[in-house]
Amino acid sequence: ENPYYSEVLKIMPKHGSVVQTPDGEGVVIYNDLLKKM
């Protein structure tokens, strides 16, 4: 299963990083790698 997760991790923001969302700025709490949420 590793090839899938390795590719998804490249596009996911790091945990704890500051990001911009449609609802404003925030901090990443969790990444759902399967759903890409």
PDB file of all heavy atoms in Angstrom:
ATOM      1  N   GLU A   1       0.802  -1.219   0.000  1.00  0.00           N
ATOM      2  CA  GLU A   1       0.000   0.000   0.000  1.00  0.00           C
ATOM      3  C   GLU A   1       0.839   1.275   0.000  1.00  0.00           C
ATOM      4  O   GLU A   1       0.322   2.370  -0.233  1.00  0.00           O
ATOM      5  CB  GLU A   1      -0.913  -0.001   1.231  1.00  0.00           C
ATOM      6  CG  GLU A   1      -1.921  -1.138   1.234  1.00  0.00           C
ATOM      7  CD  GLU A   1      -2.632  -1.299   2.574  1.00  0.00           C
ATOM      8  OE1 GLU A   1      -2.200  -0.645   3.546  1.00  0.00           O
ATOM      9  OE2 GLU A   1      -3.608  -2.055   2.643  1.00  0.00           O
ATOM     10  N   ASN A   2       2.131   1.145   0.244  1.00  0.00           N
ATOM     11  CA  ASN A   2       2.977   2.323   0.425  1.00  0.00           C
ATOM     12  C   ASN A   2       3.029   3.276  -0.780  1.00  0.00           C
ATOM     13  O   ASN A   2       3.050   4.487  -0.580  1.00  0.00           O
ATOM     14  CB  ASN A   2       4.400   1.886   0.803  1.00  0.00           C
ATOM     15  CG  ASN A   2       5.254   3.070   1.216  1.00  0.00           C
ATOM     16  OD1 ASN A   2       4.961   3.762   2.175  1.00  0.00           O
ATOM     17  ND2 ASN A   2       6.326   3.294   0.466  1.00  0.00           N
ATOM     18  N   PRO A   3       3.064   2.773  -2.025  1.00  0.00           N
ATOM     19  CA  PRO A   3       3.132   3.713  -3.160  1.00  0.00           C
ATOM     20  C   PRO A   3       1.991   4.732  -3.164  1.00  0.00           C
ATOM     21  O   PRO A   3       2.215   5.913  -3.458  1.00  0.00           O
ATOM     22  CB  PRO A   3       3.061   2.783  -4.385  1.00  0.00           C
ATOM     23  CG  PRO A   3       3.649   1.498  -3.909  1.00  0.00           C
ATOM     24  CD  PRO A   3       3.200   1.380  -2.483  1.00  0.00           C
ATOM     25  N   TYR A   4       0.776   4.294  -2.819  1.00  0.00           N
ATOM     26  CA  TYR A   4      -0.352   5.226  -2.779  1.00  0.00           C
ATOM     27  C   TYR A   4      -0.130   6.303  -1.722  1.00  0.00           C
ATOM     28  O   TYR A   4      -0.267   7.503  -2.000  1.00  0.00           O
ATOM     29  CB  TYR A   4      -1.659   4.478  -2.476  1.00  0.00           C
ATOM     30  CG  TYR A   4      -2.811   5.398  -2.159  1.00  0.00           C
ATOM     31  CD1 TYR A   4      -3.535   6.013  -3.177  1.00  0.00           C
ATOM     32  CD2 TYR A   4      -3.147   5.704  -0.832  1.00  0.00           C
ATOM     33  CE1 TYR A   4      -4.573   6.896  -2.890  1.00  0.00           C
ATOM     34  CE2 TYR A   4      -4.187   6.581  -0.537  1.00  0.00           C
ATOM     35  CZ  TYR A   4      -4.898   7.171  -1.564  1.00  0.00           C
ATOM     36  OH  TYR A   4      -5.918   8.041  -1.269  1.00  0.00           O
ATOM     37  N   TYR A   5       0.220   5.884  -0.499  1.00  0.00           N
ATOM     38  CA  TYR A   5       0.394   6.839   0.590  1.00  0.00           C
ATOM     39  C   TYR A   5       1.559   7.790   0.317  1.00  0.00           C
ATOM     40  O   TYR A   5       1.497   8.973   0.658  1.00  0.00           O
ATOM     41  CB  TYR A   5       0.605   6.102   1.909  1.00  0.00           C
ATOM     42  CG  TYR A   5      -0.658   5.489   2.455  1.00  0.00           C
ATOM     43  CD1 TYR A   5      -0.957   4.146   2.238  1.00  0.00           C
ATOM     44  CD2 TYR A   5      -1.577   6.248   3.174  1.00  0.00           C
ATOM     45  CE1 TYR A   5      -2.134   3.585   2.724  1.00  0.00           C
ATOM     46  CE2 TYR A   5      -2.747   5.701   3.669  1.00  0.00           C
ATOM     47  CZ  TYR A   5      -3.019   4.357   3.439  1.00  0.00           C
ATOM     48  OH  TYR A   5      -4.182   3.812   3.918  1.00  0.00           O
ATOM     49  N   SER A   6       2.617   7.285  -0.296  1.00  0.00           N
ATOM     50  CA  SER A   6       3.771   8.142  -0.598  1.00  0.00           C
ATOM     51  C   SER A   6       3.390   9.257  -1.558  1.00  0.00           C
ATOM     52  O   SER A   6       3.842  10.407  -1.418  1.00  0.00           O
ATOM     53  CB  SER A   6       4.906   7.298  -1.200  1.00  0.00           C
ATOM     54  OG  SER A   6       5.373   6.350  -0.265  1.00  0.00           O
ATOM     55  N   GLU A   7       2.544   8.934  -2.542  1.00  0.00           N
ATOM     56  CA  GLU A   7       2.113   9.948  -3.505  1.00  0.00           C
ATOM     57  C   GLU A   7       1.162  10.959  -2.862  1.00  0.00           C
ATOM     58  O   GLU A   7       1.258  12.158  -3.106  1.00  0.00           O
ATOM     59  CB  GLU A   7       1.427   9.275  -4.704  1.00  0.00           C
ATOM     60  CG  GLU A   7       2.385   8.544  -5.638  1.00  0.00           C
ATOM     61  CD  GLU A   7       3.463   9.454  -6.205  1.00  0.00           C
ATOM     62  OE1 GLU A   7       3.111  10.560  -6.684  1.00  0.00           O
ATOM     63  OE2 GLU A   7       4.648   9.095  -6.143  1.00  0.00           O
ATOM     64  N   VAL A   8       0.228  10.483  -2.041  1.00  0.00           N
ATOM     65  CA  VAL A   8      -0.742  11.376  -1.405  1.00  0.00           C
ATOM     66  C   VAL A   8      -0.042  12.337  -0.445  1.00  0.00           C
ATOM     67  O   VAL A   8      -0.397  13.521  -0.356  1.00  0.00           O
ATOM     68  CB  VAL A   8      -1.823  10.571  -0.660  1.00  0.00           C
ATOM     69  CG1 VAL A   8      -2.729  11.496   0.152  1.00  0.00           C
ATOM     70  CG2 VAL A   8      -2.665   9.782  -1.653  1.00  0.00           C
ATOM     71  N   LEU A   9       0.974  11.846   0.267  1.00  0.00           N
ATOM     72  CA  LEU A   9       1.686  12.705   1.222  1.00  0.00           C
ATOM     73  C   LEU A   9       2.332  13.920   0.547  1.00  0.00           C
ATOM     74  O   LEU A   9       2.539  14.953   1.184  1.00  0.00           O
ATOM     75  CB  LEU A   9       2.753  11.894   1.960  1.00  0.00           C
ATOM     76  CG  LEU A   9       2.243  11.005   3.103  1.00  0.00           C
ATOM     77  CD1 LEU A   9       3.351  10.094   3.601  1.00  0.00           C
ATOM     78  CD2 LEU A   9       1.698  11.846   4.246  1.00  0.00           C
ATOM     79  N   LYS A  10       2.646  13.779  -0.734  1.00  0.00           N
ATOM     80  CA  LYS A  10       3.290  14.877  -1.458  1.00  0.00           C
ATOM     81  C   LYS A  10       2.349  16.072  -1.629  1.00  0.00           C
ATOM     82  O   LYS A  10       2.804  17.213  -1.757  1.00  0.00           O
ATOM     83  CB  LYS A  10       3.768  14.393  -2.826  1.00  0.00           C
ATOM     84  CG  LYS A  10       4.882  13.366  -2.774  1.00  0.00           C
ATOM     85  CD  LYS A  10       5.243  12.892  -4.175  1.00  0.00           C
ATOM     86  CE  LYS A  10       6.335  11.812  -4.127  1.00  0.00           C
ATOM     87  NZ  LYS A  10       6.667  11.304  -5.484  1.00  0.00           N
ATOM     88  N   ILE A  11       1.036  15.811  -1.629  1.00  0.00           N
ATOM     89  CA  ILE A  11       0.088  16.903  -1.871  1.00  0.00           C
ATOM     90  C   ILE A  11      -0.624  17.362  -0.595  1.00  0.00           C
ATOM     91  O   ILE A  11      -1.344  18.352  -0.611  1.00  0.00           O
ATOM     92  CB  ILE A  11      -0.968  16.495  -2.919  1.00  0.00           C
ATOM     93  CG1 ILE A  11      -1.810  15.322  -2.409  1.00  0.00           C
ATOM     94  CG2 ILE A  11      -0.319  16.157  -4.256  1.00  0.00           C
ATOM     95  CD1 ILE A  11      -2.988  14.988  -3.308  1.00  0.00           C
ATOM     96  N   MET A  12      -0.424  16.628   0.502  1.00  0.00           N
ATOM     97  CA  MET A  12      -1.093  16.992   1.755  1.00  0.00           C
ATOM     98  C   MET A  12      -0.235  17.978   2.551  1.00  0.00           C
ATOM     99  O   MET A  12       0.990  17.846   2.603  1.00  0.00           O
ATOM    100  CB  MET A  12      -1.353  15.747   2.607  1.00  0.00           C
ATOM    101  CG  MET A  12      -2.193  14.678   1.922  1.00  0.00           C
ATOM    102  SD  MET A  12      -3.851  15.209   1.487  1.00  0.00           S
ATOM    103  CE  MET A  12      -4.681  15.066   3.060  1.00  0.00           C
ATOM    104  N   PRO A  13      -0.868  18.980   3.198  1.00  0.00           N
ATOM    105  CA  PRO A  13      -0.098  19.916   4.038  1.00  0.00           C
ATOM    106  C   PRO A  13       0.384  19.217   5.305  1.00  0.00           C
ATOM    107  O   PRO A  13      -0.216  18.253   5.764  1.00  0.00           O
ATOM    108  CB  PRO A  13      -1.122  21.003   4.367  1.00  0.00           C
ATOM    109  CG  PRO A  13      -2.445  20.316   4.286  1.00  0.00           C
ATOM    110  CD  PRO A  13      -2.311  19.299   3.191  1.00  0.00           C
ATOM    111  N   LYS A  14       1.472  19.712   5.855  1.00  0.00           N
ATOM    112  CA  LYS A  14       2.032  19.097   7.060  1.00  0.00           C
ATOM    113  C   LYS A  14       1.167  19.397   8.279  1.00  0.00           C
ATOM    114  O   LYS A  14       0.559  20.469   8.377  1.00  0.00           O
ATOM    115  CB  LYS A  14       3.458  19.599   7.297  1.00  0.00           C
ATOM    116  CG  LYS A  14       4.451  19.132   6.256  1.00  0.00           C
ATOM    117  CD  LYS A  14       5.858  19.622   6.572  1.00  0.00           C
ATOM    118  CE  LYS A  14       6.856  19.132   5.534  1.00  0.00           C
ATOM    119  NZ  LYS A  14       8.232  19.620   5.831  1.00  0.00           N
ATOM    120  N   HIS A  15       1.147  18.443   9.191  1.00  0.00           N
ATOM    121  CA  HIS A  15       0.405  18.623  10.447  1.00  0.00           C
ATOM    122  C   HIS A  15       1.001  19.807  11.218  1.00  0.00           C
ATOM    123  O   HIS A  15       2.213  19.924  11.393  1.00  0.00           O
ATOM    124  CB  HIS A  15       0.513  17.345  11.283  1.00  0.00           C
ATOM    125  CG  HIS A  15      -0.268  17.385  12.557  1.00  0.00           C
ATOM    126  ND1 HIS A  15       0.226  17.920  13.720  1.00  0.00           N
ATOM    127  CD2 HIS A  15      -1.536  16.983  12.839  1.00  0.00           C
ATOM    128  CE1 HIS A  15      -0.675  17.832  14.670  1.00  0.00           C
ATOM    129  NE2 HIS A  15      -1.767  17.260  14.169  1.00  0.00           N
ATOM    130  N   GLY A  16       0.123  20.719  11.665  1.00  0.00           N
ATOM    131  CA  GLY A  16       0.579  21.892  12.409  1.00  0.00           C
ATOM    132  C   GLY A  16       0.925  23.082  11.543  1.00  0.00           C
ATOM    133  O   GLY A  16       1.237  24.166  12.070  1.00  0.00           O
ATOM    134  N   SER A  17       0.874  22.909  10.217  1.00  0.00           N
ATOM    135  CA  SER A  17       1.215  24.030   9.338  1.00  0.00           C
ATOM    136  C   SER A  17       0.033  24.985   9.194  1.00  0.00           C
ATOM    137  O   SER A  17      -1.127  24.611   9.361  1.00  0.00           O
ATOM    138  CB  SER A  17       1.635  23.514   7.961  1.00  0.00           C
ATOM    139  OG  SER A  17       0.569  22.810   7.343  1.00  0.00           O
ATOM    140  N   VAL A  18       0.345  26.243   8.906  1.00  0.00           N
ATOM    141  CA  VAL A  18      -0.679  27.264   8.703  1.00  0.00           C
ATOM    142  C   VAL A  18      -1.108  27.240   7.237  1.00  0.00           C
ATOM    143  O   VAL A  18      -0.263  27.285   6.334  1.00  0.00           O
ATOM    144  CB  VAL A  18      -0.155  28.653   9.082  1.00  0.00           C
ATOM    145  CG1 VAL A  18      -1.218  29.727   8.808  1.00  0.00           C
ATOM    146  CG2 VAL A  18       0.251  28.678  10.553  1.00  0.00           C
ATOM    147  N   VAL A  19      -2.424  27.165   7.011  1.00  0.00           N
ATOM    148  CA  VAL A  19      -2.937  27.083   5.642  1.00  0.00           C
ATOM    149  C   VAL A  19      -4.081  28.064   5.451  1.00  0.00           C
ATOM    150  O   VAL A  19      -4.668  28.578   6.413  1.00  0.00           O
ATOM    151  CB  VAL A  19      -3.426  25.650   5.326  1.00  0.00           C
ATOM    152  CG1 VAL A  19      -2.289  24.653   5.347  1.00  0.00           C
ATOM    153  CG2 VAL A  19      -4.529  25.230   6.294  1.00  0.00           C
ATOM    154  N   GLN A  20      -4.400  28.303   4.179  1.00  0.00           N
ATOM    155  CA  GLN A  20      -5.519  29.162   3.827  1.00  0.00           C
ATOM    156  C   GLN A  20      -6.657  28.279   3.319  1.00  0.00           C
ATOM    157  O   GLN A  20      -6.449  27.407   2.463  1.00  0.00           O
ATOM    158  CB  GLN A  20      -5.108  30.178   2.746  1.00  0.00           C
ATOM    159  CG  GLN A  20      -6.126  31.263   2.496  1.00  0.00           C
ATOM    160  CD  GLN A  20      -6.255  32.221   3.675  1.00  0.00           C
ATOM    161  OE1 GLN A  20      -5.282  32.462   4.388  1.00  0.00           O
ATOM    162  NE2 GLN A  20      -7.441  32.766   3.883  1.00  0.00           N
ATOM    163  N   THR A  21      -7.866  28.461   3.871  1.00  0.00           N
ATOM    164  CA  THR A  21      -9.030  27.677   3.478  1.00  0.00           C
ATOM    165  C   THR A  21     -10.115  28.620   2.949  1.00  0.00           C
ATOM    166  O   THR A  21     -10.002  29.847   3.096  1.00  0.00           O
ATOM    167  CB  THR A  21      -9.585  26.888   4.684  1.00  0.00           C
ATOM    168  OG1 THR A  21     -10.302  27.801   5.535  1.00  0.00           O
ATOM    169  CG2 THR A  21      -8.488  26.211   5.469  1.00  0.00           C
ATOM    170  N   PRO A  22     -11.166  28.090   2.355  1.00  0.00           N
ATOM    171  CA  PRO A  22     -12.288  28.956   1.925  1.00  0.00           C
ATOM    172  C   PRO A  22     -12.912  29.720   3.076  1.00  0.00           C
ATOM    173  O   PRO A  22     -13.554  30.759   2.859  1.00  0.00           O
ATOM    174  CB  PRO A  22     -13.280  27.946   1.335  1.00  0.00           C
ATOM    175  CG  PRO A  22     -12.428  26.803   0.874  1.00  0.00           C
ATOM    176  CD  PRO A  22     -11.343  26.704   1.890  1.00  0.00           C
ATOM    177  N   ASP A  23     -12.735  29.244   4.324  1.00  0.00           N
ATOM    178  CA  ASP A  23     -13.308  29.907   5.502  1.00  0.00           C
ATOM    179  C   ASP A  23     -12.282  30.735   6.272  1.00  0.00           C
ATOM    180  O   ASP A  23     -12.529  31.162   7.405  1.00  0.00           O
ATOM    181  CB  ASP A  23     -13.928  28.876   6.440  1.00  0.00           C
ATOM    182  CG  ASP A  23     -15.151  28.221   5.834  1.00  0.00           C
ATOM    183  OD1 ASP A  23     -15.650  28.726   4.807  1.00  0.00           O
ATOM    184  OD2 ASP A  23     -15.609  27.200   6.369  1.00  0.00           O
ATOM    185  N   GLY A  24     -11.105  30.924   5.686  1.00  0.00           N
ATOM    186  CA  GLY A  24     -10.078  31.718   6.348  1.00  0.00           C
ATOM    187  C   GLY A  24      -8.843  30.911   6.706  1.00  0.00           C
ATOM    188  O   GLY A  24      -8.724  29.723   6.378  1.00  0.00           O
ATOM    189  N   GLU A  25      -7.926  31.592   7.402  1.00  0.00           N
ATOM    190  CA  GLU A  25      -6.656  30.967   7.764  1.00  0.00           C
ATOM    191  C   GLU A  25      -6.837  30.034   8.957  1.00  0.00           C
ATOM    192  O   GLU A  25      -7.664  30.267   9.835  1.00  0.00           O
ATOM    193  CB  GLU A  25      -5.632  32.045   8.091  1.00  0.00           C
ATOM    194  CG  GLU A  25      -4.214  31.545   8.259  1.00  0.00           C
ATOM    195  CD  GLU A  25      -3.238  32.690   8.493  1.00  0.00           C
ATOM    196  OE1 GLU A  25      -2.743  33.269   7.501  1.00  0.00           O
ATOM    197  OE2 GLU A  25      -3.005  33.016   9.683  1.00  0.00           O
ATOM    198  N   GLY A  26      -6.042  28.944   8.971  1.00  0.00           N
ATOM    199  CA  GLY A  26      -6.138  28.002  10.080  1.00  0.00           C
ATOM    200  C   GLY A  26      -4.923  27.113  10.172  1.00  0.00           C
ATOM    201  O   GLY A  26      -3.968  27.242   9.391  1.00  0.00           O
ATOM    202  N   VAL A  27      -4.969  26.208  11.150  1.00  0.00           N
ATOM    203  CA  VAL A  27      -3.850  25.293  11.402  1.00  0.00           C
ATOM    204  C   VAL A  27      -4.305  23.860  11.125  1.00  0.00           C
ATOM    205  O   VAL A  27      -5.396  23.447  11.551  1.00  0.00           O
ATOM    206  CB  VAL A  27      -3.352  25.415  12.860  1.00  0.00           C
ATOM    207  CG1 VAL A  27      -2.232  24.411  13.127  1.00  0.00           C
ATOM    208  CG2 VAL A  27      -2.880  26.826  13.132  1.00  0.00           C
ATOM    209  N   VAL A  28      -3.476  23.104  10.426  1.00  0.00           N
ATOM    210  CA  VAL A  28      -3.799  21.714  10.084  1.00  0.00           C
ATOM    211  C   VAL A  28      -3.762  20.849  11.344  1.00  0.00           C
ATOM    212  O   VAL A  28      -2.754  20.818  12.054  1.00  0.00           O
ATOM    213  CB  VAL A  28      -2.824  21.154   9.034  1.00  0.00           C
ATOM    214  CG1 VAL A  28      -3.114  19.678   8.774  1.00  0.00           C
ATOM    215  CG2 VAL A  28      -2.930  21.947   7.742  1.00  0.00           C
ATOM    216  N   ILE A  29      -4.863  20.168  11.611  1.00  0.00           N
ATOM    217  CA  ILE A  29      -4.975  19.301  12.786  1.00  0.00           C
ATOM    218  C   ILE A  29      -4.810  17.836  12.414  1.00  0.00           C
ATOM    219  O   ILE A  29      -4.207  17.048  13.135  1.00  0.00           O
ATOM    220  CB  ILE A  29      -6.340  19.503  13.493  1.00  0.00           C
ATOM    221  CG1 ILE A  29      -6.510  20.965  13.893  1.00  0.00           C
ATOM    222  CG2 ILE A  29      -6.466  18.602  14.722  1.00  0.00           C
ATOM    223  CD1 ILE A  29      -5.453  21.465  14.853  1.00  0.00           C
ATOM    224  N   TYR A  30      -5.354  17.467  11.238  1.00  0.00           N
ATOM    225  CA  TYR A  30      -5.339  16.045  10.855  1.00  0.00           C
ATOM    226  C   TYR A  30      -5.483  15.915   9.338  1.00  0.00           C
ATOM    227  O   TYR A  30      -6.191  16.713   8.696  1.00  0.00           O
ATOM    228  CB  TYR A  30      -6.488  15.305  11.551  1.00  0.00           C
ATOM    229  CG  TYR A  30      -6.616  13.839  11.161  1.00  0.00           C
ATOM    230  CD1 TYR A  30      -5.716  12.889  11.636  1.00  0.00           C
ATOM    231  CD2 TYR A  30      -7.633  13.419  10.309  1.00  0.00           C
ATOM    232  CE1 TYR A  30      -5.830  11.560  11.272  1.00  0.00           C
ATOM    233  CE2 TYR A  30      -7.760  12.080   9.939  1.00  0.00           C
ATOM    234  CZ  TYR A  30      -6.856  11.156  10.429  1.00  0.00           C
ATOM    235  OH  TYR A  30      -6.963   9.843  10.054  1.00  0.00           O
ATOM    236  N   ASN A  31      -4.805  14.915   8.765  1.00  0.00           N
ATOM    237  CA  ASN A  31      -4.931  14.592   7.343  1.00  0.00           C
ATOM    238  C   ASN A  31      -5.556  13.215   7.186  1.00  0.00           C
ATOM    239  O   ASN A  31      -5.056  12.232   7.743  1.00  0.00           O
ATOM    240  CB  ASN A  31      -3.557  14.589   6.662  1.00  0.00           C
ATOM    241  CG  ASN A  31      -3.023  15.991   6.443  1.00  0.00           C
ATOM    242  OD1 ASN A  31      -3.783  16.903   6.128  1.00  0.00           O
ATOM    243  ND2 ASN A  31      -1.722  16.175   6.606  1.00  0.00           N
ATOM    244  N   ASP A  32      -6.650  13.119   6.453  1.00  0.00           N
ATOM    245  CA  ASP A  32      -7.240  11.829   6.102  1.00  0.00           C
ATOM    246  C   ASP A  32      -6.691  11.449   4.733  1.00  0.00           C
ATOM    247  O   ASP A  32      -7.151  11.959   3.700  1.00  0.00           O
ATOM    248  CB  ASP A  32      -8.770  11.935   6.061  1.00  0.00           C
ATOM    249  CG  ASP A  32      -9.441  10.573   5.900  1.00  0.00           C
ATOM    250  OD1 ASP A  32      -8.864   9.722   5.209  1.00  0.00           O
ATOM    251  OD2 ASP A  32     -10.531  10.370   6.452  1.00  0.00           O
ATOM    252  N   LEU A  33      -5.688  10.559   4.731  1.00  0.00           N
ATOM    253  CA  LEU A  33      -4.980  10.252   3.492  1.00  0.00           C
ATOM    254  C   LEU A  33      -5.840   9.481   2.502  1.00  0.00           C
ATOM    255  O   LEU A  33      -5.660   9.609   1.286  1.00  0.00           O
ATOM    256  CB  LEU A  33      -3.706   9.469   3.812  1.00  0.00           C
ATOM    257  CG  LEU A  33      -2.702  10.179   4.732  1.00  0.00           C
ATOM    258  CD1 LEU A  33      -1.479   9.311   4.970  1.00  0.00           C
ATOM    259  CD2 LEU A  33      -2.285  11.521   4.141  1.00  0.00           C
ATOM    260  N   LEU A  34      -6.744   8.659   2.987  1.00  0.00           N
ATOM    261  CA  LEU A  34      -7.588   7.886   2.077  1.00  0.00           C
ATOM    262  C   LEU A  34      -8.612   8.777   1.365  1.00  0.00           C
ATOM    263  O   LEU A  34      -8.824   8.655   0.162  1.00  0.00           O
ATOM    264  CB  LEU A  34      -8.299   6.762   2.836  1.00  0.00           C
ATOM    265  CG  LEU A  34      -7.435   5.552   3.207  1.00  0.00           C
ATOM    266  CD1 LEU A  34      -8.242   4.565   4.046  1.00  0.00           C
ATOM    267  CD2 LEU A  34      -6.900   4.858   1.965  1.00  0.00           C
ATOM    268  N   LYS A  35      -9.249   9.665   2.117  1.00  0.00           N
ATOM    269  CA  LYS A  35     -10.269  10.547   1.534  1.00  0.00           C
ATOM    270  C   LYS A  35      -9.663  11.820   0.951  1.00  0.00           C
ATOM    271  O   LYS A  35     -10.361  12.596   0.292  1.00  0.00           O
ATOM    272  CB  LYS A  35     -11.300  10.926   2.604  1.00  0.00           C
ATOM    273  CG  LYS A  35     -12.118   9.747   3.118  1.00  0.00           C
ATOM    274  CD  LYS A  35     -13.118  10.219   4.168  1.00  0.00           C
ATOM    275  CE  LYS A  35     -13.957   9.066   4.694  1.00  0.00           C
ATOM    276  NZ  LYS A  35     -14.913   9.530   5.746  1.00  0.00           N
ATOM    277  N   LYS A  36      -8.377  12.061   1.237  1.00  0.00           N
ATOM    278  CA  LYS A  36      -7.683  13.277   0.811  1.00  0.00           C
ATOM    279  C   LYS A  36      -8.399  14.522   1.369  1.00  0.00           C
ATOM    280  O   LYS A  36      -8.639  15.491   0.660  1.00  0.00           O
ATOM    281  CB  LYS A  36      -7.569  13.352  -0.709  1.00  0.00           C
ATOM    282  CG  LYS A  36      -6.762  12.230  -1.326  1.00  0.00           C
ATOM    283  CD  LYS A  36      -6.636  12.372  -2.824  1.00  0.00           C
ATOM    284  CE  LYS A  36      -5.852  11.218  -3.414  1.00  0.00           C
ATOM    285  NZ  LYS A  36      -5.756  11.301  -4.882  1.00  0.00           N
ATOM    286  N   MET A  37      -8.760  14.441   2.646  1.00  0.00           N
ATOM    287  CA  MET A  37      -9.422  15.533   3.350  1.00  0.00           C
ATOM    288  C   MET A  37      -8.490  16.062   4.450  1.00  0.00           C
ATOM    289  O   MET A  37      -7.741  15.294   5.061  1.00  0.00           O
ATOM    290  CB  MET A  37     -10.734  15.068   3.963  1.00  0.00           C
ATOM    291  CG  MET A  37     -11.752  14.546   2.964  1.00  0.00           C
ATOM    292  SD  MET A  37     -12.423  15.830   1.886  1.00  0.00           S
ATOM    293  CE  MET A  37     -13.466  16.714   3.051  1.00  0.00           C
TER     294      MET A  37
END
